[in-house]
PDB file of all heavy atoms in Angstrom:
ATOM      1  N   ASP A   1      69.982 180.338  65.682  1.00  0.00           N
ATOM      2  CA  ASP A   1      69.023 180.686  64.639  1.00  0.00           C
ATOM      3  C   ASP A   1      69.844 180.929  63.419  1.00  0.00           C
ATOM      4  O   ASP A   1      70.343 182.070  63.230  1.00  0.00           O
ATOM      5  CB  ASP A   1      68.180 181.772  65.055  1.00  0.00           C
ATOM      6  CG  ASP A   1      67.118 182.153  63.986  1.00  0.00           C
ATOM      7  OD1 ASP A   1      66.911 181.357  63.008  1.00  0.00           O
ATOM      8  OD2 ASP A   1      66.566 183.313  63.969  1.00  0.00           O
ATOM      9  N   GLY A   2      69.990 179.998  62.436  1.00  0.00           N
ATOM     10  CA  GLY A   2      70.836 180.259  61.349  1.00  0.00           C
ATOM     11  C   GLY A   2      72.207 180.341  61.693  1.00  0.00           C
ATOM     12  O   GLY A   2      72.875 179.404  62.334  1.00  0.00           O
ATOM     13  N   ASP A   3      72.865 181.463  61.398  1.00  0.00           N
ATOM     14  CA  ASP A   3      74.276 181.666  61.706  1.00  0.00           C
ATOM     15  C   ASP A   3      74.453 182.575  62.856  1.00  0.00           C
ATOM     16  O   ASP A   3      75.490 183.277  62.987  1.00  0.00           O
ATOM     17  CB  ASP A   3      75.013 182.246  60.495  1.00  0.00           C
ATOM     18  CG  ASP A   3      75.315 181.141  59.411  1.00  0.00           C
ATOM     19  OD1 ASP A   3      75.478 179.997  59.781  1.00  0.00           O
ATOM     20  OD2 ASP A   3      75.232 181.470  58.243  1.00  0.00           O
ATOM     21  N   GLY A   4      73.402 182.778  63.680  1.00  0.00           N
ATOM     22  CA  GLY A   4      73.496 183.599  64.881  1.00  0.00           C
ATOM     23  C   GLY A   4      72.600 183.096  65.902  1.00  0.00           C
ATOM     24  O   GLY A   4      72.186 181.903  66.032  1.00  0.00           O
ATOM     25  N   TRP A   5      72.194 183.998  66.857  1.00  0.00           N
ATOM     26  CA  TRP A   5      71.364 183.597  67.961  1.00  0.00           C
ATOM     27  C   TRP A   5      70.329 184.644  68.170  1.00  0.00           C
ATOM     28  O   TRP A   5      70.451 185.844  67.885  1.00  0.00           O
ATOM     29  CB  TRP A   5      72.189 183.557  69.238  1.00  0.00           C
ATOM     30  CG  TRP A   5      73.198 182.478  69.323  1.00  0.00           C
ATOM     31  CD1 TRP A   5      72.987 181.196  69.747  1.00  0.00           C
ATOM     32  CD2 TRP A   5      74.535 182.591  68.912  1.00  0.00           C
ATOM     33  NE1 TRP A   5      74.123 180.469  69.673  1.00  0.00           N
ATOM     34  CE2 TRP A   5      75.106 181.270  69.100  1.00  0.00           C
ATOM     35  CE3 TRP A   5      75.372 183.529  68.458  1.00  0.00           C
ATOM     36  CZ2 TRP A   5      76.442 180.918  68.833  1.00  0.00           C
ATOM     37  CZ3 TRP A   5      76.655 183.265  68.115  1.00  0.00           C
ATOM     38  CH2 TRP A   5      77.196 181.973  68.301  1.00  0.00           C
ATOM     39  N   ARG A   6      69.164 184.163  68.587  1.00  0.00           N
ATOM     40  CA  ARG A   6      68.122 185.109  69.019  1.00  0.00           C
ATOM     41  C   ARG A   6      68.444 185.581  70.427  1.00  0.00           C
ATOM     42  O   ARG A   6      68.815 184.829  71.274  1.00  0.00           O
ATOM     43  CB  ARG A   6      66.733 184.366  69.085  1.00  0.00           C
ATOM     44  CG  ARG A   6      66.327 183.822  67.741  1.00  0.00           C
ATOM     45  CD  ARG A   6      64.985 183.148  67.865  1.00  0.00           C
ATOM     46  NE  ARG A   6      64.924 182.080  68.782  1.00  0.00           N
ATOM     47  CZ  ARG A   6      65.270 180.802  68.552  1.00  0.00           C
ATOM     48  NH1 ARG A   6      65.747 180.542  67.327  1.00  0.00           N
ATOM     49  NH2 ARG A   6      65.198 179.885  69.480  1.00  0.00           N
ATOM     50  N   GLU A   7      68.353 186.902  70.660  1.00  0.00           N
ATOM     51  CA  GLU A   7      68.766 187.505  71.880  1.00  0.00           C
ATOM     52  C   GLU A   7      67.546 187.495  72.898  1.00  0.00           C
ATOM     53  O   GLU A   7      66.738 188.410  72.847  1.00  0.00           O
ATOM     54  CB  GLU A   7      69.250 188.945  71.717  1.00  0.00           C
ATOM     55  CG  GLU A   7      70.626 189.009  70.935  1.00  0.00           C
ATOM     56  CD  GLU A   7      71.818 188.625  71.796  1.00  0.00           C
ATOM     57  OE1 GLU A   7      71.596 188.190  72.954  1.00  0.00           O
ATOM     58  OE2 GLU A   7      72.910 188.625  71.276  1.00  0.00           O
ATOM     59  N   GLY A   8      67.456 186.414  73.665  1.00  0.00           N
ATOM     60  CA  GLY A   8      66.340 186.405  74.645  1.00  0.00           C
ATOM     61  C   GLY A   8      66.661 187.426  75.685  1.00  0.00           C
ATOM     62  O   GLY A   8      67.786 187.895  75.887  1.00  0.00           O
ATOM     63  N   PRO A   9      65.595 187.757  76.526  1.00  0.00           N
ATOM     64  CA  PRO A   9      65.822 188.859  77.469  1.00  0.00           C
ATOM     65  C   PRO A   9      66.868 188.540  78.544  1.00  0.00           C
ATOM     66  O   PRO A   9      67.498 189.411  79.143  1.00  0.00           O
ATOM     67  CB  PRO A   9      64.417 189.005  78.102  1.00  0.00           C
ATOM     68  CG  PRO A   9      63.683 187.725  77.807  1.00  0.00           C
ATOM     69  CD  PRO A   9      64.241 187.289  76.473  1.00  0.00           C
ATOM     70  N   ASP A  10      67.088 187.209  78.881  1.00  0.00           N
ATOM     71  CA  ASP A  10      68.004 186.790  79.884  1.00  0.00           C
ATOM     72  C   ASP A  10      69.468 186.663  79.256  1.00  0.00           C
ATOM     73  O   ASP A  10      70.421 186.361  79.991  1.00  0.00           O
ATOM     74  CB  ASP A  10      67.725 185.516  80.526  1.00  0.00           C
ATOM     75  CG  ASP A  10      67.556 184.365  79.550  1.00  0.00           C
ATOM     76  OD1 ASP A  10      67.201 184.643  78.361  1.00  0.00           O
ATOM     77  OD2 ASP A  10      67.724 183.223  79.941  1.00  0.00           O
ATOM     78  N   LEU A  11      69.580 186.864  77.938  1.00  0.00           N
ATOM     79  CA  LEU A  11      70.916 186.678  77.294  1.00  0.00           C
ATOM     80  C   LEU A  11      71.440 188.020  76.700  1.00  0.00           C
ATOM     81  O   LEU A  11      72.426 187.971  76.032  1.00  0.00           O
ATOM     82  CB  LEU A  11      70.770 185.687  76.168  1.00  0.00           C
ATOM     83  CG  LEU A  11      70.387 184.220  76.630  1.00  0.00           C
ATOM     84  CD1 LEU A  11      70.199 183.343  75.437  1.00  0.00           C
ATOM     85  CD2 LEU A  11      71.418 183.673  77.554  1.00  0.00           C
ATOM     86  N   LEU A  12      70.731 189.081  76.877  1.00  0.00           N
ATOM     87  CA  LEU A  12      71.202 190.305  76.314  1.00  0.00           C
ATOM     88  C   LEU A  12      72.462 190.801  77.056  1.00  0.00           C
ATOM     89  O   LEU A  12      72.700 190.524  78.189  1.00  0.00           O
ATOM     90  CB  LEU A  12      70.125 191.448  76.597  1.00  0.00           C
ATOM     91  CG  LEU A  12      68.852 191.271  75.722  1.00  0.00           C
ATOM     92  CD1 LEU A  12      67.838 192.307  76.182  1.00  0.00           C
ATOM     93  CD2 LEU A  12      69.161 191.382  74.294  1.00  0.00           C
ATOM     94  N   PRO A  13      73.354 191.459  76.317  1.00  0.00           N
ATOM     95  CA  PRO A  13      74.641 191.878  76.959  1.00  0.00           C
ATOM     96  C   PRO A  13      74.395 192.813  78.136  1.00  0.00           C
ATOM     97  O   PRO A  13      73.487 193.674  78.145  1.00  0.00           O
ATOM     98  CB  PRO A  13      75.328 192.654  75.791  1.00  0.00           C
ATOM     99  CG  PRO A  13      74.676 192.104  74.587  1.00  0.00           C
ATOM    100  CD  PRO A  13      73.341 191.838  74.812  1.00  0.00           C
ATOM    101  N   ARG A  14      75.130 192.633  79.157  1.00  0.00           N
ATOM    102  CA  ARG A  14      75.101 193.518  80.318  1.00  0.00           C
ATOM    103  C   ARG A  14      75.781 194.851  79.907  1.00  0.00           C
ATOM    104  O   ARG A  14      76.457 194.924  78.983  1.00  0.00           O
ATOM    105  CB  ARG A  14      75.741 192.918  81.513  1.00  0.00           C
ATOM    106  CG  ARG A  14      75.075 191.573  82.008  1.00  0.00           C
ATOM    107  CD  ARG A  14      75.898 190.960  83.089  1.00  0.00           C
ATOM    108  NE  ARG A  14      75.312 189.718  83.502  1.00  0.00           N
ATOM    109  CZ  ARG A  14      75.882 188.859  84.305  1.00  0.00           C
ATOM    110  NH1 ARG A  14      77.097 189.047  84.693  1.00  0.00           N
ATOM    111  NH2 ARG A  14      75.316 187.742  84.618  1.00  0.00           N
ATOM    112  N   LYS A  15      75.563 195.810  80.788  1.00  0.00           N
ATOM    113  CA  LYS A  15      76.168 197.165  80.547  1.00  0.00           C
ATOM    114  C   LYS A  15      77.721 197.002  80.506  1.00  0.00           C
ATOM    115  O   LYS A  15      78.338 196.355  81.291  1.00  0.00           O
ATOM    116  CB  LYS A  15      75.836 198.103  81.707  1.00  0.00           C
ATOM    117  CG  LYS A  15      76.327 199.486  81.506  1.00  0.00           C
ATOM    118  CD  LYS A  15      75.852 200.407  82.584  1.00  0.00           C
ATOM    119  CE  LYS A  15      76.339 201.888  82.307  1.00  0.00           C
ATOM    120  NZ  LYS A  15      75.843 202.806  83.401  1.00  0.00           N
ATOM    121  N   GLY A  16      78.261 197.549  79.409  1.00  0.00           N
ATOM    122  CA  GLY A  16      79.725 197.475  79.132  1.00  0.00           C
ATOM    123  C   GLY A  16      80.142 196.275  78.380  1.00  0.00           C
ATOM    124  O   GLY A  16      81.325 196.154  78.039  1.00  0.00           O
ATOM    125  N   GLU A  17      79.253 195.280  78.195  1.00  0.00           N
ATOM    126  CA  GLU A  17      79.626 194.103  77.367  1.00  0.00           C
ATOM    127  C   GLU A  17      79.328 194.337  75.906  1.00  0.00           C
ATOM    128  O   GLU A  17      78.370 195.047  75.561  1.00  0.00           O
ATOM    129  CB  GLU A  17      78.786 192.879  77.872  1.00  0.00           C
ATOM    130  CG  GLU A  17      79.245 192.424  79.220  1.00  0.00           C
ATOM    131  CD  GLU A  17      78.476 191.174  79.606  1.00  0.00           C
ATOM    132  OE1 GLU A  17      77.295 191.044  79.132  1.00  0.00           O
ATOM    133  OE2 GLU A  17      78.950 190.413  80.423  1.00  0.00           O
ATOM    134  N   ALA A  18      80.172 193.773  75.081  1.00  0.00           N
ATOM    135  CA  ALA A  18      79.896 193.795  73.596  1.00  0.00           C
ATOM    136  C   ALA A  18      78.778 192.993  73.189  1.00  0.00           C
ATOM    137  O   ALA A  18      78.435 192.064  73.818  1.00  0.00           O
ATOM    138  CB  ALA A  18      81.235 193.368  72.873  1.00  0.00           C
ATOM    139  N   SER A  19      78.198 193.347  72.063  1.00  0.00           N
ATOM    140  CA  SER A  19      77.070 192.536  71.505  1.00  0.00           C
ATOM    141  C   SER A  19      77.528 191.739  70.330  1.00  0.00           C
ATOM    142  O   SER A  19      78.726 191.760  70.040  1.00  0.00           O
ATOM    143  CB  SER A  19      75.950 193.564  71.038  1.00  0.00           C
ATOM    144  OG  SER A  19      76.415 194.409  70.047  1.00  0.00           O
ATOM    145  N   GLY A  20      76.668 191.004  69.737  1.00  0.00           N
ATOM    146  CA  GLY A  20      77.029 190.144  68.598  1.00  0.00           C
ATOM    147  C   GLY A  20      77.879 189.006  68.978  1.00  0.00           C
ATOM    148  O   GLY A  20      77.985 188.587  70.129  1.00  0.00           O
ATOM    149  N   LEU A  21      78.588 188.429  67.967  1.00  0.00           N
ATOM    150  CA  LEU A  21      79.444 187.294  68.157  1.00  0.00           C
ATOM    151  C   LEU A  21      80.540 187.577  69.100  1.00  0.00           C
ATOM    152  O   LEU A  21      80.873 186.695  70.022  1.00  0.00           O
ATOM    153  CB  LEU A  21      80.026 186.847  66.803  1.00  0.00           C
ATOM    154  CG  LEU A  21      80.986 185.703  66.826  1.00  0.00           C
ATOM    155  CD1 LEU A  21      80.330 184.422  67.439  1.00  0.00           C
ATOM    156  CD2 LEU A  21      81.584 185.397  65.483  1.00  0.00           C
ATOM    157  N   SER A  22      81.168 188.787  69.070  1.00  0.00           N
ATOM    158  CA  SER A  22      82.285 189.119  69.966  1.00  0.00           C
ATOM    159  C   SER A  22      81.833 188.990  71.440  1.00  0.00           C
ATOM    160  O   SER A  22      82.482 188.450  72.279  1.00  0.00           O
ATOM    161  CB  SER A  22      82.771 190.510  69.636  1.00  0.00           C
ATOM    162  OG  SER A  22      83.731 190.882  70.595  1.00  0.00           O
ATOM    163  N   GLY A  23      80.685 189.690  71.713  1.00  0.00           N
ATOM    164  CA  GLY A  23      80.178 189.662  73.129  1.00  0.00           C
ATOM    165  C   GLY A  23      79.765 188.281  73.532  1.00  0.00           C
ATOM    166  O   GLY A  23      79.984 187.870  74.644  1.00  0.00           O
ATOM    167  N   ARG A  24      78.998 187.601  72.653  1.00  0.00           N
ATOM    168  CA  ARG A  24      78.552 186.252  72.951  1.00  0.00           C
ATOM    169  C   ARG A  24      79.676 185.311  73.252  1.00  0.00           C
ATOM    170  O   ARG A  24      79.644 184.540  74.211  1.00  0.00           O
ATOM    171  CB  ARG A  24      77.682 185.720  71.849  1.00  0.00           C
ATOM    172  CG  ARG A  24      77.052 184.356  72.127  1.00  0.00           C
ATOM    173  CD  ARG A  24      75.904 184.460  73.161  1.00  0.00           C
ATOM    174  NE  ARG A  24      74.851 185.281  72.651  1.00  0.00           N
ATOM    175  CZ  ARG A  24      73.604 184.866  72.402  1.00  0.00           C
ATOM    176  NH1 ARG A  24      73.322 183.550  72.502  1.00  0.00           N
ATOM    177  NH2 ARG A  24      72.656 185.686  71.939  1.00  0.00           N
ATOM    178  N   SER A  25      80.727 185.362  72.393  1.00  0.00           N
ATOM    179  CA  SER A  25      81.886 184.424  72.579  1.00  0.00           C
ATOM    180  C   SER A  25      82.653 184.719  73.850  1.00  0.00           C
ATOM    181  O   SER A  25      83.103 183.833  74.521  1.00  0.00           O
ATOM    182  CB  SER A  25      82.775 184.495  71.369  1.00  0.00           C
ATOM    183  OG  SER A  25      83.317 185.831  71.191  1.00  0.00           O
ATOM    184  N   ASP A  26      82.753 186.042  74.136  1.00  0.00           N
ATOM    185  CA  ASP A  26      83.565 186.430  75.434  1.00  0.00           C
ATOM    186  C   ASP A  26      82.753 185.949  76.640  1.00  0.00           C
ATOM    187  O   ASP A  26      83.315 185.450  77.635  1.00  0.00           O
ATOM    188  CB  ASP A  26      83.724 187.958  75.457  1.00  0.00           C
ATOM    189  CG  ASP A  26      84.608 188.302  76.692  1.00  0.00           C
ATOM    190  OD1 ASP A  26      85.833 187.901  76.667  1.00  0.00           O
ATOM    191  OD2 ASP A  26      84.131 189.008  77.572  1.00  0.00           O
ATOM    192  N   ARG A  27      81.409 186.119  76.680  1.00  0.00           N
ATOM    193  CA  ARG A  27      80.601 185.583  77.768  1.00  0.00           C
ATOM    194  C   ARG A  27      80.727 184.165  77.891  1.00  0.00           C
ATOM    195  O   ARG A  27      80.756 183.558  78.970  1.00  0.00           O
ATOM    196  CB  ARG A  27      79.192 186.074  77.616  1.00  0.00           C
ATOM    197  CG  ARG A  27      78.902 187.545  77.932  1.00  0.00           C
ATOM    198  CD  ARG A  27      77.445 187.944  77.775  1.00  0.00           C
ATOM    199  NE  ARG A  27      77.217 188.209  76.368  1.00  0.00           N
ATOM    200  CZ  ARG A  27      76.007 188.241  75.891  1.00  0.00           C
ATOM    201  NH1 ARG A  27      74.928 187.922  76.560  1.00  0.00           N
ATOM    202  NH2 ARG A  27      75.776 188.512  74.532  1.00  0.00           N
ATOM    203  N   TYR A  28      80.712 183.459  76.719  1.00  0.00           N
ATOM    204  CA  TYR A  28      80.886 182.030  76.811  1.00  0.00           C
ATOM    205  C   TYR A  28      82.182 181.559  77.346  1.00  0.00           C
ATOM    206  O   TYR A  28      82.346 180.719  78.246  1.00  0.00           O
ATOM    207  CB  TYR A  28      80.712 181.371  75.324  1.00  0.00           C
ATOM    208  CG  TYR A  28      81.092 179.900  75.385  1.00  0.00           C
ATOM    209  CD1 TYR A  28      80.266 178.971  75.927  1.00  0.00           C
ATOM    210  CD2 TYR A  28      82.404 179.545  74.883  1.00  0.00           C
ATOM    211  CE1 TYR A  28      80.677 177.655  75.989  1.00  0.00           C
ATOM    212  CE2 TYR A  28      82.749 178.213  74.911  1.00  0.00           C
ATOM    213  CZ  TYR A  28      81.831 177.292  75.422  1.00  0.00           C
ATOM    214  OH  TYR A  28      82.261 175.996  75.562  1.00  0.00           O
ATOM    215  N   LEU A  29      83.315 182.267  76.908  1.00  0.00           N
ATOM    216  CA  LEU A  29      84.603 181.909  77.404  1.00  0.00           C
ATOM    217  C   LEU A  29      84.714 182.093  78.946  1.00  0.00           C
ATOM    218  O   LEU A  29      85.214 181.319  79.642  1.00  0.00           O
ATOM    219  CB  LEU A  29      85.714 182.728  76.784  1.00  0.00           C
ATOM    220  CG  LEU A  29      87.127 182.578  77.209  1.00  0.00           C
ATOM    221  CD1 LEU A  29      87.562 181.091  76.970  1.00  0.00           C
ATOM    222  CD2 LEU A  29      88.103 183.504  76.537  1.00  0.00           C
ATOM    223  N   GLY A  30      84.104 183.208  79.424  1.00  0.00           N
ATOM    224  CA  GLY A  30      84.080 183.529  80.848  1.00  0.00           C
ATOM    225  C   GLY A  30      83.363 182.373  81.571  1.00  0.00           C
ATOM    226  O   GLY A  30      83.828 181.945  82.648  1.00  0.00           O
ATOM    227  N   CYS A  31      82.225 181.961  81.077  1.00  0.00           N
ATOM    228  CA  CYS A  31      81.412 180.898  81.605  1.00  0.00           C
ATOM    229  C   CYS A  31      82.200 179.653  81.619  1.00  0.00           C
ATOM    230  O   CYS A  31      82.248 178.883  82.668  1.00  0.00           O
ATOM    231  CB  CYS A  31      80.067 180.741  80.889  1.00  0.00           C
ATOM    232  SG  CYS A  31      79.111 179.318  81.486  1.00  0.00           S
ATOM    233  N   LEU A  32      82.850 179.284  80.549  1.00  0.00           N
ATOM    234  CA  LEU A  32      83.654 178.059  80.504  1.00  0.00           C
ATOM    235  C   LEU A  32      84.790 177.959  81.477  1.00  0.00           C
ATOM    236  O   LEU A  32      84.995 177.045  82.249  1.00  0.00           O
ATOM    237  CB  LEU A  32      84.140 177.804  79.051  1.00  0.00           C
ATOM    238  CG  LEU A  32      85.104 176.701  78.870  1.00  0.00           C
ATOM    239  CD1 LEU A  32      84.360 175.311  78.997  1.00  0.00           C
ATOM    240  CD2 LEU A  32      85.756 176.729  77.513  1.00  0.00           C
ATOM    241  N   LEU A  33      85.546 179.080  81.536  1.00  0.00           N
ATOM    242  CA  LEU A  33      86.727 179.124  82.408  1.00  0.00           C
ATOM    243  C   LEU A  33      86.287 179.187  83.856  1.00  0.00           C
ATOM    244  O   LEU A  33      86.951 178.636  84.736  1.00  0.00           O
ATOM    245  CB  LEU A  33      87.692 180.319  82.051  1.00  0.00           C
ATOM    246  CG  LEU A  33      88.363 180.212  80.616  1.00  0.00           C
ATOM    247  CD1 LEU A  33      89.113 181.444  80.401  1.00  0.00           C
ATOM    248  CD2 LEU A  33      89.150 178.943  80.522  1.00  0.00           C
ATOM    249  N   ASP A  34      85.216 179.990  84.136  1.00  0.00           N
ATOM    250  CA  ASP A  34      84.735 180.021  85.570  1.00  0.00           C
ATOM    251  C   ASP A  34      84.317 178.606  85.991  1.00  0.00           C
ATOM    252  O   ASP A  34      84.554 178.200  87.195  1.00  0.00           O
ATOM    253  CB  ASP A  34      83.615 180.995  85.630  1.00  0.00           C
ATOM    254  CG  ASP A  34      84.022 182.475  85.627  1.00  0.00           C
ATOM    255  OD1 ASP A  34      85.314 182.677  85.647  1.00  0.00           O
ATOM    256  OD2 ASP A  34      83.216 183.286  85.506  1.00  0.00           O
ATOM    257  N   GLY A  35      83.595 177.862  85.107  1.00  0.00           N
ATOM    258  CA  GLY A  35      83.128 176.543  85.422  1.00  0.00           C
ATOM    259  C   GLY A  35      84.243 175.610  85.677  1.00  0.00           C
ATOM    260  O   GLY A  35      84.333 174.823  86.625  1.00  0.00           O
ATOM    261  N   LEU A  36      85.235 175.648  84.780  1.00  0.00           N
ATOM    262  CA  LEU A  36      86.389 174.734  84.888  1.00  0.00           C
ATOM    263  C   LEU A  36      87.242 175.104  86.062  1.00  0.00           C
ATOM    264  O   LEU A  36      88.070 174.300  86.569  1.00  0.00           O
ATOM    265  CB  LEU A  36      87.247 174.796  83.658  1.00  0.00           C
ATOM    266  CG  LEU A  36      86.597 174.284  82.322  1.00  0.00           C
ATOM    267  CD1 LEU A  36      87.627 174.436  81.182  1.00  0.00           C
ATOM    268  CD2 LEU A  36      86.166 172.872  82.535  1.00  0.00           C
ATOM    269  N   GLY A  37      87.094 176.314  86.626  1.00  0.00           N
ATOM    270  CA  GLY A  37      87.774 176.760  87.783  1.00  0.00           C
ATOM    271  C   GLY A  37      87.235 176.068  89.060  1.00  0.00           C
ATOM    272  O   GLY A  37      87.837 176.222  90.108  1.00  0.00           O
ATOM    273  N   LYS A  38      86.090 175.475  88.974  1.00  0.00           N
ATOM    274  CA  LYS A  38      85.583 174.693  90.111  1.00  0.00           C
ATOM    275  C   LYS A  38      86.086 173.244  90.054  1.00  0.00           C
ATOM    276  O   LYS A  38      85.857 172.495  89.145  1.00  0.00           O
ATOM    277  CB  LYS A  38      84.042 174.604  90.061  1.00  0.00           C
ATOM    278  CG  LYS A  38      83.245 175.909  89.799  1.00  0.00           C
ATOM    279  CD  LYS A  38      83.517 176.854  90.966  1.00  0.00           C
ATOM    280  CE  LYS A  38      82.679 178.187  90.701  1.00  0.00           C
ATOM    281  NZ  LYS A  38      82.954 179.210  91.763  1.00  0.00           N
ATOM    282  N   PRO A  39      86.924 172.837  91.044  1.00  0.00           N
ATOM    283  CA  PRO A  39      87.510 171.535  90.995  1.00  0.00           C
ATOM    284  C   PRO A  39      86.410 170.472  90.879  1.00  0.00           C
ATOM    285  O   PRO A  39      85.380 170.491  91.622  1.00  0.00           O
ATOM    286  CB  PRO A  39      88.298 171.412  92.327  1.00  0.00           C
ATOM    287  CG  PRO A  39      88.646 172.845  92.625  1.00  0.00           C
ATOM    288  CD  PRO A  39      87.439 173.614  92.183  1.00  0.00           C
ATOM    289  N   ALA A  40      86.606 169.478  89.964  1.00  0.00           N
ATOM    290  CA  ALA A  40      85.564 168.474  89.814  1.00  0.00           C
ATOM    291  C   ALA A  40      85.622 167.449  90.959  1.00  0.00           C
ATOM    292  O   ALA A  40      86.645 167.194  91.478  1.00  0.00           O
ATOM    293  CB  ALA A  40      85.870 167.756  88.481  1.00  0.00           C
ATOM    294  N   THR A  41      84.459 166.983  91.342  1.00  0.00           N
ATOM    295  CA  THR A  41      84.291 166.083  92.388  1.00  0.00           C
ATOM    296  C   THR A  41      84.069 164.670  91.888  1.00  0.00           C
ATOM    297  O   THR A  41      83.852 164.512  90.643  1.00  0.00           O
ATOM    298  CB  THR A  41      83.125 166.447  93.294  1.00  0.00           C
ATOM    299  OG1 THR A  41      81.935 166.337  92.496  1.00  0.00           O
ATOM    300  CG2 THR A  41      83.237 167.838  93.810  1.00  0.00           C
ATOM    301  N   ARG A  42      84.109 163.655  92.703  1.00  0.00           N
ATOM    302  CA  ARG A  42      83.814 162.314  92.244  1.00  0.00           C
ATOM    303  C   ARG A  42      82.406 162.248  91.748  1.00  0.00           C
ATOM    304  O   ARG A  42      82.072 161.550  90.749  1.00  0.00           O
ATOM    305  CB  ARG A  42      84.041 161.267  93.404  1.00  0.00           C
ATOM    306  CG  ARG A  42      85.509 160.996  93.617  1.00  0.00           C
ATOM    307  CD  ARG A  42      85.659 159.857  94.653  1.00  0.00           C
ATOM    308  NE  ARG A  42      87.091 159.537  94.805  1.00  0.00           N
ATOM    309  CZ  ARG A  42      87.742 158.612  94.102  1.00  0.00           C
ATOM    310  NH1 ARG A  42      87.141 157.982  93.110  1.00  0.00           N
ATOM    311  NH2 ARG A  42      89.032 158.483  94.250  1.00  0.00           N
ATOM    312  N   GLY A  43      81.470 162.909  92.472  1.00  0.00           N
ATOM    313  CA  GLY A  43      80.127 162.905  92.056  1.00  0.00           C
ATOM    314  C   GLY A  43      79.917 163.529  90.603  1.00  0.00           C
ATOM    315  O   GLY A  43      79.121 163.042  89.797  1.00  0.00           O
ATOM    316  N   GLY A  44      80.683 164.669  90.355  1.00  0.00           N
ATOM    317  CA  GLY A  44      80.620 165.299  89.160  1.00  0.00           C
ATOM    318  C   GLY A  44      81.176 164.408  87.988  1.00  0.00           C
ATOM    319  O   GLY A  44      80.535 164.324  86.922  1.00  0.00           O
ATOM    320  N   HIS A  45      82.239 163.723  88.225  1.00  0.00           N
ATOM    321  CA  HIS A  45      82.783 162.846  87.191  1.00  0.00           C
ATOM    322  C   HIS A  45      81.804 161.670  86.937  1.00  0.00           C
ATOM    323  O   HIS A  45      81.555 161.282  85.852  1.00  0.00           O
ATOM    324  CB  HIS A  45      84.169 162.316  87.637  1.00  0.00           C
ATOM    325  CG  HIS A  45      85.287 163.279  87.461  1.00  0.00           C
ATOM    326  ND1 HIS A  45      85.659 163.827  86.204  1.00  0.00           N
ATOM    327  CD2 HIS A  45      86.196 163.785  88.333  1.00  0.00           C
ATOM    328  CE1 HIS A  45      86.691 164.524  86.323  1.00  0.00           C
ATOM    329  NE2 HIS A  45      87.002 164.606  87.625  1.00  0.00           N
TER     330      HIS A  45
END
């Protein structure tokens, strides 16, 4: 939404997590690295 995000109820920071861009970006990085940590399969490719 513009230069930020609307915080839907399922996207609010968990306890101990930062809010705003810092929190959102850290959660994204965790999601990206956790996902890339799953070895890709032939079906996935």
